[in-house]
Amino acid sequence: MTGHNILGDAEWLPHRYDETQDSFRFRHLPRDAQRNVTFLTDEYLDRSQREVAVAAASIDRAALPAGPVHFVFHSAYCCSTLAARMFDAPGYAMGLKEPVVLNDIVGWRRRGAQPQKVAATLDTALALLARPLEGDGAVVVKPSNIVYSLAPAILGLRPQARAILLYAPIGDFLASIAVKGLWGRRWVRQALFGQMQDGVLAQQFSPAEMFELTDLQVAALGWLSHHAIYRQMQQRFGSQRVVICDSQSLLAEPEKTVEKFFGHFELHPTRDERAAIASGPAFTRNSKDQSAYSRDDRERQIAATREANSDEIAKVAEWVGVVAEGIGVDIAPAASALR
């Protein structure tokens, strides 16, 4: 298949950006293939499938199939994958679950790429991701949470795009990290180091103070840094473009969530279609392993972990609340996405 045909077909996903060759590598992923993987990452995709490279310089953004593109940004462990799966709605939208091409651009930026080149490449990547599947009205991209440092730039490059900002209440988030054990505690330290590289920490600490932070304090500082950027985005882009929602509110009334989330992106399924989405696999199957899952299951799991780690979670939640108050960040904003 030629590069021209690939660029005209949204089933060819821009999977990776190769900075050494200044090219995008595409994989053929129809809707069903995307639906059946947890994330659009190498870990979950068929490793035997070939990739086709297209030089960035050969891509005419103006000639690409155009459609509205919107975003779900998140601070991890807050039902963001559920939200992306919810937007797998043929005829309306497709939700792209953590396309790695955006991670590649973040990594390249962290390695010292020139800002102008990063902006141009990001613009091309967004244009490629925005190509709608046949019959769809829009594309909804849920980037990996490491991409959030670029979220203001992304909305700046796409003035018509809207965003939903997702987060888990601090106690739930810390419980989700604690239940992951050593892997979760290591992950939050890696994530915080990336935030330091991006220059987006909500609160600066000396090297000695950083070294003294416990694992859950590190997790809370990273979580708070997301909230600080969320506040900046809401102030910069306004409530018409950017709304926020916590995971508990998202799960409380699935049909209302479907109606309001789709409506924010100017998509309007019928009442029956909304009901089908709300009772479908996005809300009833675990996003990771597809096992039967519900709001009650999530609450029981979180409650059990919070009980086992109650003292540490309570103290860290109080600590991050004090830090947040000192920098003027609301860490429990109302769910404006559901108004």
Protein backbone atom coordinates (compact mmCIF):
# COMPACT_ATOMS: atom_id res chain seq x y z
CA MET A 1 0.00 0.00 0.00
CA THR A 2 1.34 3.43 -0.92
CA GLY A 3 1.90 6.25 1.52
CA HIS A 4 -0.84 8.24 -0.22
CA ASN A 5 -3.42 5.48 0.32
CA ILE A 6 -2.37 5.05 3.94
CA LEU A 7 -2.79 8.75 4.66
CA GLY A 8 -6.30 8.67 3.20
CA ASP A 9 -7.41 5.68 5.29
CA ALA A 10 -8.06 6.20 9.01
CA GLU A 11 -7.75 2.46 9.60
CA TRP A 12 -4.00 3.03 9.28
CA LEU A 13 -3.10 4.33 12.72
CA PRO A 14 -0.05 6.59 13.16
CA HIS A 15 1.52 4.29 15.72
CA ARG A 16 5.02 5.67 16.25
CA TYR A 17 7.10 8.72 15.44
CA ASP A 18 10.73 7.96 14.53
CA GLU A 19 12.78 11.04 15.31
CA THR A 20 15.91 9.59 13.71
CA GLN A 21 14.19 9.31 10.33
CA ASP A 22 11.60 12.06 10.86
CA SER A 23 8.90 9.64 9.84
CA PHE A 24 5.63 8.23 11.11
CA ARG A 25 5.14 4.47 11.29
CA PHE A 26 1.62 3.24 10.59
CA ARG A 27 -0.22 0.07 11.52
CA HIS A 28 -3.44 -1.18 9.96
CA LEU A 29 -5.98 -1.26 12.80
CA PRO A 30 -9.67 -1.36 11.85
CA ARG A 31 -12.25 -0.55 14.50
CA ASP A 32 -12.63 -4.18 15.62
CA ALA A 33 -8.89 -4.55 16.09
CA GLN A 34 -8.75 -1.39 18.19
CA ARG A 35 -11.80 -2.44 20.18
CA ASN A 36 -10.19 -5.72 21.18
CA VAL A 37 -6.97 -4.29 22.66
CA THR A 38 -6.64 -2.60 26.03
CA PHE A 39 -4.30 0.11 24.74
CA LEU A 40 -2.80 1.01 21.36
CA THR A 41 0.67 0.10 22.62
CA ASP A 42 3.26 -2.42 21.52
CA GLU A 43 2.48 -4.51 24.58
CA TYR A 44 -1.04 -5.21 23.32
CA LEU A 45 -0.69 -5.06 19.54
CA ASP A 46 0.27 -7.96 17.30
CA ARG A 47 4.05 -7.84 17.17
CA SER A 48 4.13 -9.73 13.88
CA GLN A 49 2.14 -7.07 12.04
CA ARG A 50 4.27 -4.97 9.74
CA GLU A 51 4.58 -1.22 10.04
CA VAL A 52 4.76 1.17 7.12
CA ALA A 53 6.92 4.28 7.45
CA VAL A 54 5.91 7.57 5.82
CA ALA A 55 8.28 10.54 5.85
CA ALA A 56 6.86 13.48 7.77
CA ALA A 57 7.98 15.85 5.02
CA SER A 58 5.75 14.04 2.52
CA ILE A 59 2.56 14.51 4.57
CA ASP A 60 0.31 17.33 3.36
CA ARG A 61 -1.84 18.07 6.40
CA ALA A 62 -4.34 20.04 4.30
CA ALA A 63 -4.99 16.96 2.14
CA LEU A 64 -5.78 14.61 5.04
CA PRO A 65 -9.37 13.54 5.73
CA ALA A 66 -10.59 16.07 8.28
CA GLY A 67 -12.89 15.62 11.23
CA PRO A 68 -13.40 17.04 14.71
CA VAL A 69 -10.96 15.73 17.31
CA HIS A 70 -11.48 15.93 21.07
CA PHE A 71 -9.52 14.72 24.09
CA VAL A 72 -9.85 12.92 27.39
CA PHE A 73 -6.90 13.86 29.61
CA HIS A 74 -6.45 12.02 32.88
CA SER A 75 -4.33 11.61 35.99
CA ALA A 76 -4.40 7.76 35.94
CA TYR A 77 -6.61 5.21 37.69
CA CYS A 78 -9.73 7.29 37.15
CA CYS A 79 -11.81 5.29 34.63
CA SER A 80 -10.27 7.05 31.63
CA THR A 81 -10.06 3.82 29.63
CA LEU A 82 -13.74 3.27 30.33
CA ALA A 83 -14.39 6.74 28.91
CA ALA A 84 -12.37 6.02 25.77
CA ARG A 85 -14.22 2.73 25.26
CA MET A 86 -17.52 4.56 25.73
CA PHE A 87 -16.68 6.63 22.64
CA ASP A 88 -16.42 3.51 20.48
CA ALA A 89 -19.78 4.43 18.98
CA PRO A 90 -20.02 3.72 15.23
CA GLY A 91 -21.58 6.61 13.38
CA TYR A 92 -20.58 9.05 16.11
CA ALA A 93 -17.00 8.60 17.26
CA MET A 94 -14.06 6.32 17.91
CA GLY A 95 -12.04 6.50 21.12
CA LEU A 96 -8.30 6.05 20.63
CA LYS A 97 -6.78 4.50 23.76
CA GLU A 98 -3.32 5.89 24.46
CA PRO A 99 -1.76 6.10 20.98
CA VAL A 100 2.00 5.79 21.44
CA VAL A 101 2.83 8.37 18.79
CA LEU A 102 2.10 11.12 21.33
CA ASN A 103 4.33 9.43 23.92
CA ASP A 104 7.12 9.41 21.35
CA ILE A 105 6.81 13.16 20.91
CA VAL A 106 6.93 13.69 24.69
CA GLY A 107 10.06 11.56 24.93
CA TRP A 108 11.68 13.41 22.05
CA ARG A 109 10.89 16.74 23.71
CA ARG A 110 12.41 15.53 26.96
CA ARG A 111 15.60 14.64 25.09
CA GLY A 112 16.01 18.24 24.02
CA ALA A 113 14.23 18.53 20.68
CA GLN A 114 13.75 22.06 19.36
CA PRO A 115 10.37 23.47 20.44
CA GLN A 116 9.44 24.61 16.91
CA LYS A 117 10.11 21.13 15.53
CA VAL A 118 8.16 19.51 18.35
CA ALA A 119 5.18 21.79 17.66
CA ALA A 120 5.23 21.03 13.92
CA THR A 121 5.48 17.29 14.51
CA LEU A 122 2.75 17.37 17.14
CA ASP A 123 0.52 19.26 14.69
CA THR A 124 1.06 16.55 12.08
CA ALA A 125 0.42 13.77 14.59
CA LEU A 126 -2.85 15.40 15.67
CA ALA A 127 -3.96 15.76 12.06
CA LEU A 128 -3.27 12.07 11.48
CA LEU A 129 -5.11 11.01 14.64
CA ALA A 130 -8.09 13.21 13.71
CA ARG A 131 -8.89 11.26 10.54
CA PRO A 132 -12.35 9.76 11.27
CA LEU A 133 -13.24 6.16 10.62
CA GLU A 134 -15.86 5.77 7.92
CA GLY A 135 -19.21 7.15 9.04
CA ASP A 136 -17.97 8.66 12.31
CA GLY A 137 -18.51 12.27 13.25
CA ALA A 138 -15.41 12.71 15.41
CA VAL A 139 -12.34 11.13 16.97
CA VAL A 140 -11.83 11.15 20.74
CA VAL A 141 -8.21 10.69 21.82
CA LYS A 142 -7.33 9.51 25.30
CA PRO A 143 -3.58 10.08 25.53
CA SER A 144 -1.37 8.38 28.08
CA ASN A 145 -1.17 10.42 31.27
CA ILE A 146 2.47 11.33 30.50
CA VAL A 147 1.17 13.42 27.59
CA TYR A 148 -0.68 15.83 29.87
CA SER A 149 2.29 18.22 29.95
CA LEU A 150 1.51 18.84 26.26
CA ALA A 151 -2.24 19.19 26.84
CA PRO A 152 -2.24 23.02 26.74
CA ALA A 153 -0.22 22.94 23.50
CA ILE A 154 -2.58 20.35 22.00
CA LEU A 155 -5.66 22.49 22.65
CA GLY A 156 -3.76 25.52 21.43
CA LEU A 157 -3.03 23.78 18.13
CA ARG A 158 -6.65 22.66 17.78
CA PRO A 159 -8.90 25.66 18.59
CA GLN A 160 -12.07 23.67 17.85
CA ALA A 161 -11.12 20.76 20.10
CA ARG A 162 -12.73 20.22 23.46
CA ALA A 163 -11.44 18.26 26.44
CA ILE A 164 -12.69 16.31 29.42
CA LEU A 165 -10.28 16.22 32.36
CA LEU A 166 -10.58 13.12 34.53
CA TYR A 167 -9.23 12.43 37.99
CA ALA A 168 -9.80 10.07 40.90
CA PRO A 169 -10.40 11.51 44.38
CA ILE A 170 -7.11 11.50 46.26
CA GLY A 171 -8.02 8.63 48.60
CA ASP A 172 -9.10 6.44 45.68
CA PHE A 173 -5.99 7.32 43.69
CA LEU A 174 -3.65 6.47 46.57
CA ALA A 175 -5.50 3.21 47.17
CA SER A 176 -5.09 2.32 43.50
CA ILE A 177 -1.35 2.88 43.78
CA ALA A 178 -1.05 0.96 47.04
CA VAL A 179 -2.85 -2.08 45.67
CA LYS A 180 -0.30 -2.30 42.84
CA GLY A 181 2.45 -2.94 45.40
CA LEU A 182 6.05 -2.46 44.39
CA TRP A 183 5.17 -1.98 40.71
CA GLY A 184 2.76 0.86 41.50
CA ARG A 185 5.16 2.60 43.86
CA ARG A 186 7.97 2.38 41.30
CA TRP A 187 5.67 3.69 38.55
CA VAL A 188 4.76 6.85 40.47
CA ARG A 189 8.45 7.66 40.98
CA GLN A 190 9.11 7.23 37.26
CA ALA A 191 6.10 9.40 36.47
CA LEU A 192 7.24 12.13 38.85
CA PHE A 193 10.70 12.13 37.31
CA GLY A 194 9.07 12.71 33.93
CA GLN A 195 7.08 15.61 35.37
CA MET A 196 10.32 17.08 36.67
CA GLN A 197 11.81 16.82 33.17
CA ASP A 198 8.73 18.53 31.75
CA GLY A 199 8.94 21.31 34.33
CA VAL A 200 5.35 20.84 35.48
CA LEU A 201 5.62 19.98 39.16
CA ALA A 202 2.93 21.80 41.12
CA GLN A 203 5.27 22.40 44.04
CA GLN A 204 9.05 22.53 44.03
CA PHE A 205 11.05 20.73 46.69
CA SER A 206 14.78 20.64 47.33
CA PRO A 207 16.64 17.44 46.39
CA ALA A 208 16.84 16.50 50.07
CA GLU A 209 13.10 17.08 50.54
CA MET A 210 12.29 15.01 47.45
CA PHE A 211 14.43 12.17 48.75
CA GLU A 212 12.50 12.17 52.02
CA LEU A 213 9.05 11.83 50.39
CA THR A 214 7.35 8.47 50.87
CA ASP A 215 6.07 6.53 47.87
CA LEU A 216 2.50 7.71 48.40
CA GLN A 217 3.64 11.32 48.87
CA VAL A 218 5.38 11.02 45.50
CA ALA A 219 2.14 9.68 44.04
CA ALA A 220 0.17 12.54 45.58
CA LEU A 221 2.58 15.18 44.29
CA GLY A 222 2.26 13.81 40.76
CA TRP A 223 -1.53 13.74 41.11
CA LEU A 224 -1.50 17.34 42.38
CA SER A 225 0.62 18.41 39.42
CA HIS A 226 -2.13 17.18 37.11
CA HIS A 227 -4.63 19.33 38.99
CA ALA A 228 -2.38 22.37 38.63
CA ILE A 229 -2.30 21.96 34.84
CA TYR A 230 -6.05 21.29 34.81
CA ARG A 231 -6.58 24.64 36.53
CA GLN A 232 -4.36 26.39 33.97
CA MET A 233 -6.26 24.79 31.10
CA GLN A 234 -9.65 25.77 32.49
CA GLN A 235 -8.49 29.34 32.99
CA ARG A 236 -6.92 29.57 29.55
CA PHE A 237 -9.52 27.80 27.41
CA GLY A 238 -12.74 28.34 29.38
CA SER A 239 -15.62 26.15 30.45
CA GLN A 240 -17.04 25.81 26.94
CA ARG A 241 -13.99 23.83 25.85
CA VAL A 242 -12.70 22.24 29.05
CA VAL A 243 -14.72 20.41 31.70
CA ILE A 244 -13.66 18.19 34.59
CA CYS A 245 -15.04 15.05 36.21
CA ASP A 246 -14.02 12.68 38.99
CA SER A 247 -14.25 8.91 38.67
CA GLN A 248 -16.93 8.52 41.35
CA SER A 249 -19.26 10.97 39.60
CA LEU A 250 -18.54 9.38 36.22
CA LEU A 251 -19.70 5.98 37.50
CA ALA A 252 -22.67 7.16 39.55
CA GLU A 253 -25.17 7.56 36.69
CA PRO A 254 -23.90 5.94 33.47
CA GLU A 255 -26.69 7.23 31.23
CA LYS A 256 -26.16 10.79 32.42
CA THR A 257 -22.42 10.39 31.89
CA VAL A 258 -22.96 9.20 28.32
CA GLU A 259 -25.36 12.05 27.57
CA LYS A 260 -23.14 14.78 29.02
CA PHE A 261 -19.80 13.47 27.78
CA PHE A 262 -21.05 12.99 24.23
CA GLY A 263 -22.86 16.31 24.38
CA HIS A 264 -19.69 18.14 25.41
CA PHE A 265 -18.09 16.87 22.21
CA GLU A 266 -21.19 17.96 20.25
CA LEU A 267 -22.24 14.39 19.57
CA HIS A 268 -25.88 13.48 20.13
CA PRO A 269 -26.84 9.80 20.17
CA THR A 270 -30.52 9.01 20.58
CA ARG A 271 -31.90 8.12 24.00
CA ASP A 272 -31.93 4.41 23.08
CA GLU A 273 -28.36 4.62 21.81
CA ARG A 274 -27.23 6.31 25.01
CA ALA A 275 -28.93 3.63 27.08
CA ALA A 276 -27.22 0.91 25.06
CA ILE A 277 -23.81 2.51 25.60
CA ALA A 278 -24.46 2.95 29.33
CA SER A 279 -25.39 -0.72 29.71
CA GLY A 280 -22.70 -1.93 27.33
CA PRO A 281 -19.19 -3.30 27.86
CA ALA A 282 -17.56 0.06 28.63
CA PHE A 283 -19.48 0.19 31.92
CA THR A 284 -19.88 -3.54 32.62
CA ARG A 285 -16.51 -5.06 31.70
CA ASN A 286 -13.11 -4.46 33.22
CA SER A 287 -11.11 -2.28 30.82
CA LYS A 288 -7.98 -4.37 31.32
CA ASP A 289 -9.11 -8.01 31.20
CA GLN A 290 -12.75 -7.74 30.01
CA SER A 291 -14.08 -9.61 33.06
CA ALA A 292 -17.47 -8.64 34.46
CA TYR A 293 -17.10 -5.41 36.40
CA SER A 294 -19.27 -2.77 38.00
CA ARG A 295 -19.17 0.40 40.04
CA ASP A 296 -19.76 -1.69 43.18
CA ASP A 297 -16.81 -3.95 42.32
CA ARG A 298 -14.55 -0.92 41.97
CA GLU A 299 -15.75 0.57 45.25
CA ARG A 300 -15.24 -2.71 47.12
CA GLN A 301 -11.71 -3.08 45.79
CA ILE A 302 -10.77 0.50 46.66
CA ALA A 303 -12.39 0.25 50.10
CA ALA A 304 -10.45 -2.91 50.92
CA THR A 305 -7.15 -1.34 49.91
CA ARG A 306 -7.91 1.89 51.76
CA GLU A 307 -8.66 -0.07 54.91
CA ALA A 308 -5.38 -1.99 54.66
CA ASN A 309 -3.43 1.26 54.17
CA SER A 310 -5.76 3.63 56.00
CA ASP A 311 -3.21 5.37 58.20
CA GLU A 312 -0.76 6.19 55.40
CA ILE A 313 -3.47 7.18 52.93
CA ALA A 314 -5.16 9.49 55.44
CA LYS A 315 -1.91 11.21 56.36
CA VAL A 316 -0.79 11.67 52.75
CA ALA A 317 -4.23 12.95 51.72
CA GLU A 318 -4.05 15.52 54.51
CA TRP A 319 -0.50 16.47 53.48
CA VAL A 320 -1.36 17.01 49.82
CA GLY A 321 -4.40 19.04 50.86
CA VAL A 322 -2.14 21.41 52.76
CA VAL A 323 0.26 21.67 49.79
CA ALA A 324 -2.65 22.32 47.43
CA GLU A 325 -4.07 25.04 49.64
CA GLY A 326 -0.68 26.75 49.72
CA ILE A 327 -0.55 27.00 45.92
CA GLY A 328 -4.25 27.74 45.45
CA VAL A 329 -5.31 24.52 43.70
CA ASP A 330 -8.75 23.01 44.28
CA ILE A 331 -8.21 19.24 44.55
CA ALA A 332 -11.90 18.35 44.67
CA PRO A 333 -13.54 20.45 41.95
CA ALA A 334 -17.18 19.83 41.14
CA ALA A 335 -17.90 17.62 38.14
CA SER A 336 -18.61 20.35 35.60
CA ALA A 337 -18.72 17.72 32.84
CA LEU A 338 -22.04 16.46 34.20
CA ARG A 339 -23.85 19.79 34.55
